[in-house]
PDB file of all heavy atoms in Angstrom:
ATOM      1  N   ALA A   1       0.829  -1.205   0.000  1.00  0.00           N
ATOM      2  CA  ALA A   1       0.000   0.000   0.000  1.00  0.00           C
ATOM      3  C   ALA A   1       0.864   1.257   0.000  1.00  0.00           C
ATOM      4  O   ALA A   1       0.612   2.201  -0.756  1.00  0.00           O
ATOM      5  CB  ALA A   1      -0.932  -0.008   1.204  1.00  0.00           C
ATOM      6  N   VAL A   2       1.907   1.263   0.847  1.00  0.00           N
ATOM      7  CA  VAL A   2       2.796   2.424   0.913  1.00  0.00           C
ATOM      8  C   VAL A   2       3.540   2.611  -0.411  1.00  0.00           C
ATOM      9  O   VAL A   2       3.600   3.720  -0.958  1.00  0.00           O
ATOM     10  CB  VAL A   2       3.804   2.271   2.077  1.00  0.00           C
ATOM     11  CG1 VAL A   2       4.885   3.346   1.998  1.00  0.00           C
ATOM     12  CG2 VAL A   2       3.082   2.354   3.415  1.00  0.00           C
ATOM     13  N   ALA A   3       4.080   1.509  -0.945  1.00  0.00           N
ATOM     14  CA  ALA A   3       4.824   1.601  -2.206  1.00  0.00           C
ATOM     15  C   ALA A   3       3.902   2.008  -3.352  1.00  0.00           C
ATOM     16  O   ALA A   3       4.222   2.902  -4.144  1.00  0.00           O
ATOM     17  CB  ALA A   3       5.492   0.254  -2.518  1.00  0.00           C
ATOM     18  N   GLY A   4       2.759   1.342  -3.442  1.00  0.00           N
ATOM     19  CA  GLY A   4       1.838   1.628  -4.543  1.00  0.00           C
ATOM     20  C   GLY A   4       1.266   3.032  -4.478  1.00  0.00           C
ATOM     21  O   GLY A   4       1.207   3.748  -5.490  1.00  0.00           O
ATOM     22  N   MET A   5       0.844   3.480  -3.288  1.00  0.00           N
ATOM     23  CA  MET A   5       0.229   4.801  -3.168  1.00  0.00           C
ATOM     24  C   MET A   5       1.251   5.928  -3.301  1.00  0.00           C
ATOM     25  O   MET A   5       0.928   7.003  -3.802  1.00  0.00           O
ATOM     26  CB  MET A   5      -0.527   4.914  -1.847  1.00  0.00           C
ATOM     27  CG  MET A   5      -1.790   4.072  -1.817  1.00  0.00           C
ATOM     28  SD  MET A   5      -2.775   4.349  -0.337  1.00  0.00           S
ATOM     29  CE  MET A   5      -4.109   3.175  -0.604  1.00  0.00           C
ATOM     30  N   THR A   6       2.492   5.681  -2.845  1.00  0.00           N
ATOM     31  CA  THR A   6       3.535   6.689  -3.050  1.00  0.00           C
ATOM     32  C   THR A   6       3.808   6.861  -4.538  1.00  0.00           C
ATOM     33  O   THR A   6       3.919   7.989  -5.040  1.00  0.00           O
ATOM     34  CB  THR A   6       4.838   6.283  -2.332  1.00  0.00           C
ATOM     35  OG1 THR A   6       4.571   6.121  -0.937  1.00  0.00           O
ATOM     36  CG2 THR A   6       5.906   7.351  -2.512  1.00  0.00           C
ATOM     37  N   GLY A   7       3.912   5.736  -5.237  1.00  0.00           N
ATOM     38  CA  GLY A   7       4.091   5.813  -6.689  1.00  0.00           C
ATOM     39  C   GLY A   7       2.909   6.471  -7.379  1.00  0.00           C
ATOM     40  O   GLY A   7       3.080   7.284  -8.297  1.00  0.00           O
ATOM     41  N   TYR A   8       1.712   6.150  -6.928  1.00  0.00           N
ATOM     42  CA  TYR A   8       0.493   6.728  -7.511  1.00  0.00           C
ATOM     43  C   TYR A   8       0.449   8.235  -7.277  1.00  0.00           C
ATOM     44  O   TYR A   8       0.098   9.008  -8.184  1.00  0.00           O
ATOM     45  CB  TYR A   8      -0.727   6.058  -6.878  1.00  0.00           C
ATOM     46  CG  TYR A   8      -2.059   6.496  -7.450  1.00  0.00           C
ATOM     47  CD1 TYR A   8      -2.365   6.279  -8.787  1.00  0.00           C
ATOM     48  CD2 TYR A   8      -3.009   7.124  -6.647  1.00  0.00           C
ATOM     49  CE1 TYR A   8      -3.584   6.674  -9.318  1.00  0.00           C
ATOM     50  CE2 TYR A   8      -4.236   7.509  -7.160  1.00  0.00           C
ATOM     51  CZ  TYR A   8      -4.516   7.289  -8.500  1.00  0.00           C
ATOM     52  OH  TYR A   8      -5.722   7.690  -9.026  1.00  0.00           O
ATOM     53  N   LEU A   9       0.823   8.681  -6.068  1.00  0.00           N
ATOM     54  CA  LEU A   9       0.859  10.121  -5.774  1.00  0.00           C
ATOM     55  C   LEU A   9       1.834  10.832  -6.711  1.00  0.00           C
ATOM     56  O   LEU A   9       1.501  11.877  -7.289  1.00  0.00           O
ATOM     57  CB  LEU A   9       1.278  10.348  -4.318  1.00  0.00           C
ATOM     58  CG  LEU A   9       1.498  11.805  -3.902  1.00  0.00           C
ATOM     59  CD1 LEU A   9       0.192  12.589  -3.952  1.00  0.00           C
ATOM     60  CD2 LEU A   9       2.120  11.892  -2.504  1.00  0.00           C
ATOM     61  N   THR A  10       3.030  10.262  -6.857  1.00  0.00           N
ATOM     62  CA  THR A  10       4.043  10.874  -7.726  1.00  0.00           C
ATOM     63  C   THR A  10       3.554  10.992  -9.155  1.00  0.00           C
ATOM     64  O   THR A  10       3.680  12.043  -9.799  1.00  0.00           O
ATOM     65  CB  THR A  10       5.348  10.040  -7.687  1.00  0.00           C
ATOM     66  OG1 THR A  10       5.791   9.911  -6.338  1.00  0.00           O
ATOM     67  CG2 THR A  10       6.436  10.703  -8.517  1.00  0.00           C
ATOM     68  N   SER A  11       2.967   9.913  -9.668  1.00  0.00           N
ATOM     69  CA  SER A  11       2.510   9.914 -11.064  1.00  0.00           C
ATOM     70  C   SER A  11       1.334  10.860 -11.267  1.00  0.00           C
ATOM     71  O   SER A  11       1.257  11.569 -12.281  1.00  0.00           O
ATOM     72  CB  SER A  11       2.138   8.503 -11.508  1.00  0.00           C
ATOM     73  OG  SER A  11       1.013   8.025 -10.790  1.00  0.00           O
ATOM     74  N   GLN A  12       0.416  10.913 -10.297  1.00  0.00           N
ATOM     75  CA  GLN A  12      -0.750  11.796 -10.439  1.00  0.00           C
ATOM     76  C   GLN A  12      -0.364  13.273 -10.360  1.00  0.00           C
ATOM     77  O   GLN A  12      -0.943  14.112 -11.067  1.00  0.00           O
ATOM     78  CB  GLN A  12      -1.792  11.474  -9.367  1.00  0.00           C
ATOM     79  CG  GLN A  12      -2.514  10.142  -9.574  1.00  0.00           C
ATOM     80  CD  GLN A  12      -3.184  10.054 -10.935  1.00  0.00           C
ATOM     81  OE1 GLN A  12      -2.666   9.434 -11.858  1.00  0.00           O
ATOM     82  NE2 GLN A  12      -4.340  10.701 -11.070  1.00  0.00           N
ATOM     83  N   ILE A  13       0.617  13.595  -9.527  1.00  0.00           N
ATOM     84  CA  ILE A  13       1.103  14.975  -9.482  1.00  0.00           C
ATOM     85  C   ILE A  13       1.708  15.359 -10.822  1.00  0.00           C
ATOM     86  O   ILE A  13       1.503  16.471 -11.329  1.00  0.00           O
ATOM     87  CB  ILE A  13       2.123  15.150  -8.334  1.00  0.00           C
ATOM     88  CG1 ILE A  13       1.411  15.062  -6.982  1.00  0.00           C
ATOM     89  CG2 ILE A  13       2.847  16.500  -8.454  1.00  0.00           C
ATOM     90  CD1 ILE A  13       2.345  15.128  -5.783  1.00  0.00           C
ATOM     91  N   SER A  14       2.451  14.429 -11.443  1.00  0.00           N
ATOM     92  CA  SER A  14       3.030  14.692 -12.765  1.00  0.00           C
ATOM     93  C   SER A  14       1.938  14.904 -13.807  1.00  0.00           C
ATOM     94  O   SER A  14       2.018  15.814 -14.648  1.00  0.00           O
ATOM     95  CB  SER A  14       3.930  13.522 -13.194  1.00  0.00           C
ATOM     96  OG  SER A  14       5.002  13.363 -12.305  1.00  0.00           O
ATOM     97  N   VAL A  15       0.911  14.067 -13.758  1.00  0.00           N
ATOM     98  CA  VAL A  15      -0.205  14.191 -14.711  1.00  0.00           C
ATOM     99  C   VAL A  15      -0.897  15.547 -14.562  1.00  0.00           C
ATOM    100  O   VAL A  15      -1.147  16.254 -15.543  1.00  0.00           O
ATOM    101  CB  VAL A  15      -1.226  13.043 -14.502  1.00  0.00           C
ATOM    102  CG1 VAL A  15      -2.520  13.319 -15.272  1.00  0.00           C
ATOM    103  CG2 VAL A  15      -0.620  11.716 -14.922  1.00  0.00           C
ATOM    104  N   HIS A  16      -1.200  15.930 -13.329  1.00  0.00           N
ATOM    105  CA  HIS A  16      -1.904  17.194 -13.091  1.00  0.00           C
ATOM    106  C   HIS A  16      -1.021  18.403 -13.412  1.00  0.00           C
ATOM    107  O   HIS A  16      -1.534  19.449 -13.814  1.00  0.00           O
ATOM    108  CB  HIS A  16      -2.404  17.262 -11.648  1.00  0.00           C
ATOM    109  CG  HIS A  16      -3.500  16.291 -11.337  1.00  0.00           C
ATOM    110  ND1 HIS A  16      -4.673  16.242 -12.061  1.00  0.00           N
ATOM    111  CD2 HIS A  16      -3.596  15.306 -10.399  1.00  0.00           C
ATOM    112  CE1 HIS A  16      -5.454  15.282 -11.576  1.00  0.00           C
ATOM    113  NE2 HIS A  16      -4.821  14.702 -10.575  1.00  0.00           N
ATOM    114  N   THR A  17       0.295  18.249 -13.220  1.00  0.00           N
ATOM    115  CA  THR A  17       1.216  19.341 -13.562  1.00  0.00           C
ATOM    116  C   THR A  17       1.169  19.622 -15.064  1.00  0.00           C
ATOM    117  O   THR A  17       1.158  20.780 -15.502  1.00  0.00           O
ATOM    118  CB  THR A  17       2.651  18.994 -13.124  1.00  0.00           C
ATOM    119  OG1 THR A  17       2.680  18.794 -11.711  1.00  0.00           O
ATOM    120  CG2 THR A  17       3.612  20.118 -13.491  1.00  0.00           C
ATOM    121  N   LYS A  18       1.137  18.560 -15.866  1.00  0.00           N
ATOM    122  CA  LYS A  18       1.070  18.713 -17.319  1.00  0.00           C
ATOM    123  C   LYS A  18      -0.250  19.324 -17.758  1.00  0.00           C
ATOM    124  O   LYS A  18      -0.334  20.013 -18.784  1.00  0.00           O
ATOM    125  CB  LYS A  18       1.264  17.354 -18.003  1.00  0.00           C
ATOM    126  CG  LYS A  18       2.665  16.775 -17.825  1.00  0.00           C
ATOM    127  CD  LYS A  18       2.768  15.371 -18.414  1.00  0.00           C
ATOM    128  CE  LYS A  18       4.146  14.780 -18.152  1.00  0.00           C
ATOM    129  NZ  LYS A  18       4.247  13.369 -18.630  1.00  0.00           N
ATOM    130  N   GLU A  19      -1.304  19.057 -16.979  1.00  0.00           N
ATOM    131  CA  GLU A  19      -2.624  19.578 -17.330  1.00  0.00           C
ATOM    132  C   GLU A  19      -2.786  21.062 -17.001  1.00  0.00           C
ATOM    133  O   GLU A  19      -3.675  21.729 -17.540  1.00  0.00           O
ATOM    134  CB  GLU A  19      -3.715  18.789 -16.590  1.00  0.00           C
ATOM    135  CG  GLU A  19      -3.828  17.340 -17.055  1.00  0.00           C
ATOM    136  CD  GLU A  19      -4.791  16.521 -16.202  1.00  0.00           C
ATOM    137  OE1 GLU A  19      -5.234  17.042 -15.157  1.00  0.00           O
ATOM    138  OE2 GLU A  19      -5.087  15.373 -16.585  1.00  0.00           O
ATOM    139  N   LEU A  20      -1.928  21.569 -16.105  1.00  0.00           N
ATOM    140  CA  LEU A  20      -2.039  22.976 -15.710  1.00  0.00           C
ATOM    141  C   LEU A  20      -1.696  23.894 -16.879  1.00  0.00           C
ATOM    142  O   LEU A  20      -0.775  23.625 -17.656  1.00  0.00           O
ATOM    143  CB  LEU A  20      -1.080  23.280 -14.549  1.00  0.00           C
ATOM    144  CG  LEU A  20      -1.501  22.827 -13.155  1.00  0.00           C
ATOM    145  CD1 LEU A  20      -0.386  23.111 -12.162  1.00  0.00           C
ATOM    146  CD2 LEU A  20      -2.781  23.521 -12.723  1.00  0.00           C
ATOM    147  N   THR A  21      -2.423  24.970 -16.982  1.00  0.00           N
ATOM    148  CA  THR A  21      -2.077  25.967 -17.994  1.00  0.00           C
ATOM    149  C   THR A  21      -0.845  26.720 -17.542  1.00  0.00           C
ATOM    150  O   THR A  21      -0.490  26.738 -16.364  1.00  0.00           O
ATOM    151  CB  THR A  21      -3.240  26.961 -18.180  1.00  0.00           C
ATOM    152  OG1 THR A  21      -3.540  27.553 -16.913  1.00  0.00           O
ATOM    153  CG2 THR A  21      -4.464  26.257 -18.719  1.00  0.00           C
ATOM    154  N   GLU A  22      -0.182  27.366 -18.452  1.00  0.00           N
ATOM    155  CA  GLU A  22       1.040  28.099 -18.135  1.00  0.00           C
ATOM    156  C   GLU A  22       0.731  29.178 -17.094  1.00  0.00           C
ATOM    157  O   GLU A  22      -0.217  29.940 -17.223  1.00  0.00           O
ATOM    158  CB  GLU A  22       1.598  28.747 -19.406  1.00  0.00           C
ATOM    159  CG  GLU A  22       2.983  29.346 -19.189  1.00  0.00           C
ATOM    160  CD  GLU A  22       3.579  29.858 -20.504  1.00  0.00           C
ATOM    161  OE1 GLU A  22       3.087  29.444 -21.568  1.00  0.00           O
ATOM    162  OE2 GLU A  22       4.501  30.664 -20.428  1.00  0.00           O
ATOM    163  N   GLY A  23       1.578  29.243 -16.081  1.00  0.00           N
ATOM    164  CA  GLY A  23       1.372  30.223 -15.028  1.00  0.00           C
ATOM    165  C   GLY A  23       0.478  29.725 -13.908  1.00  0.00           C
ATOM    166  O   GLY A  23       0.192  30.455 -12.967  1.00  0.00           O
ATOM    167  N   GLY A  24       0.014  28.462 -13.998  1.00  0.00           N
ATOM    168  CA  GLY A  24      -0.826  27.904 -12.954  1.00  0.00           C
ATOM    169  C   GLY A  24      -0.034  27.634 -11.684  1.00  0.00           C
ATOM    170  O   GLY A  24       1.192  27.543 -11.696  1.00  0.00           O
ATOM    171  N   ASN A  25      -0.746  27.501 -10.580  1.00  0.00           N
ATOM    172  CA  ASN A  25      -0.105  27.257  -9.294  1.00  0.00           C
ATOM    173  C   ASN A  25       0.331  25.797  -9.198  1.00  0.00           C
ATOM    174  O   ASN A  25      -0.519  24.895  -9.233  1.00  0.00           O
ATOM    175  CB  ASN A  25      -1.091  27.605  -8.171  1.00  0.00           C
ATOM    176  CG  ASN A  25      -0.459  27.454  -6.797  1.00  0.00           C
ATOM    177  OD1 ASN A  25       0.709  27.087  -6.665  1.00  0.00           O
ATOM    178  ND2 ASN A  25      -1.237  27.747  -5.762  1.00  0.00           N
ATOM    179  N   PRO A  26       1.650  25.526  -9.074  1.00  0.00           N
ATOM    180  CA  PRO A  26       2.104  24.127  -8.992  1.00  0.00           C
ATOM    181  C   PRO A  26       1.556  23.410  -7.760  1.00  0.00           C
ATOM    182  O   PRO A  26       1.438  22.187  -7.757  1.00  0.00           O
ATOM    183  CB  PRO A  26       3.634  24.249  -8.928  1.00  0.00           C
ATOM    184  CG  PRO A  26       3.901  25.660  -8.520  1.00  0.00           C
ATOM    185  CD  PRO A  26       2.771  26.470  -9.046  1.00  0.00           C
ATOM    186  N   LEU A  27       1.226  24.166  -6.696  1.00  0.00           N
ATOM    187  CA  LEU A  27       0.636  23.544  -5.514  1.00  0.00           C
ATOM    188  C   LEU A  27      -0.707  22.897  -5.843  1.00  0.00           C
ATOM    189  O   LEU A  27      -1.088  21.891  -5.246  1.00  0.00           O
ATOM    190  CB  LEU A  27       0.429  24.580  -4.403  1.00  0.00           C
ATOM    191  CG  LEU A  27       1.601  24.857  -3.460  1.00  0.00           C
ATOM    192  CD1 LEU A  27       1.192  25.858  -2.405  1.00  0.00           C
ATOM    193  CD2 LEU A  27       2.115  23.578  -2.826  1.00  0.00           C
ATOM    194  N   ALA A  28      -1.402  23.493  -6.809  1.00  0.00           N
ATOM    195  CA  ALA A  28      -2.706  22.946  -7.197  1.00  0.00           C
ATOM    196  C   ALA A  28      -2.567  21.533  -7.737  1.00  0.00           C
ATOM    197  O   ALA A  28      -3.393  20.656  -7.451  1.00  0.00           O
ATOM    198  CB  ALA A  28      -3.362  23.855  -8.231  1.00  0.00           C
TER     199      ALA A  28
END
């Protein structure tokens, strides 16, 4: 669970970062 969810968090943050428009808040 720890390994899988840590990996899932990392990948989902990357996915959402790419979806952000230029100038968007990286915290979002």
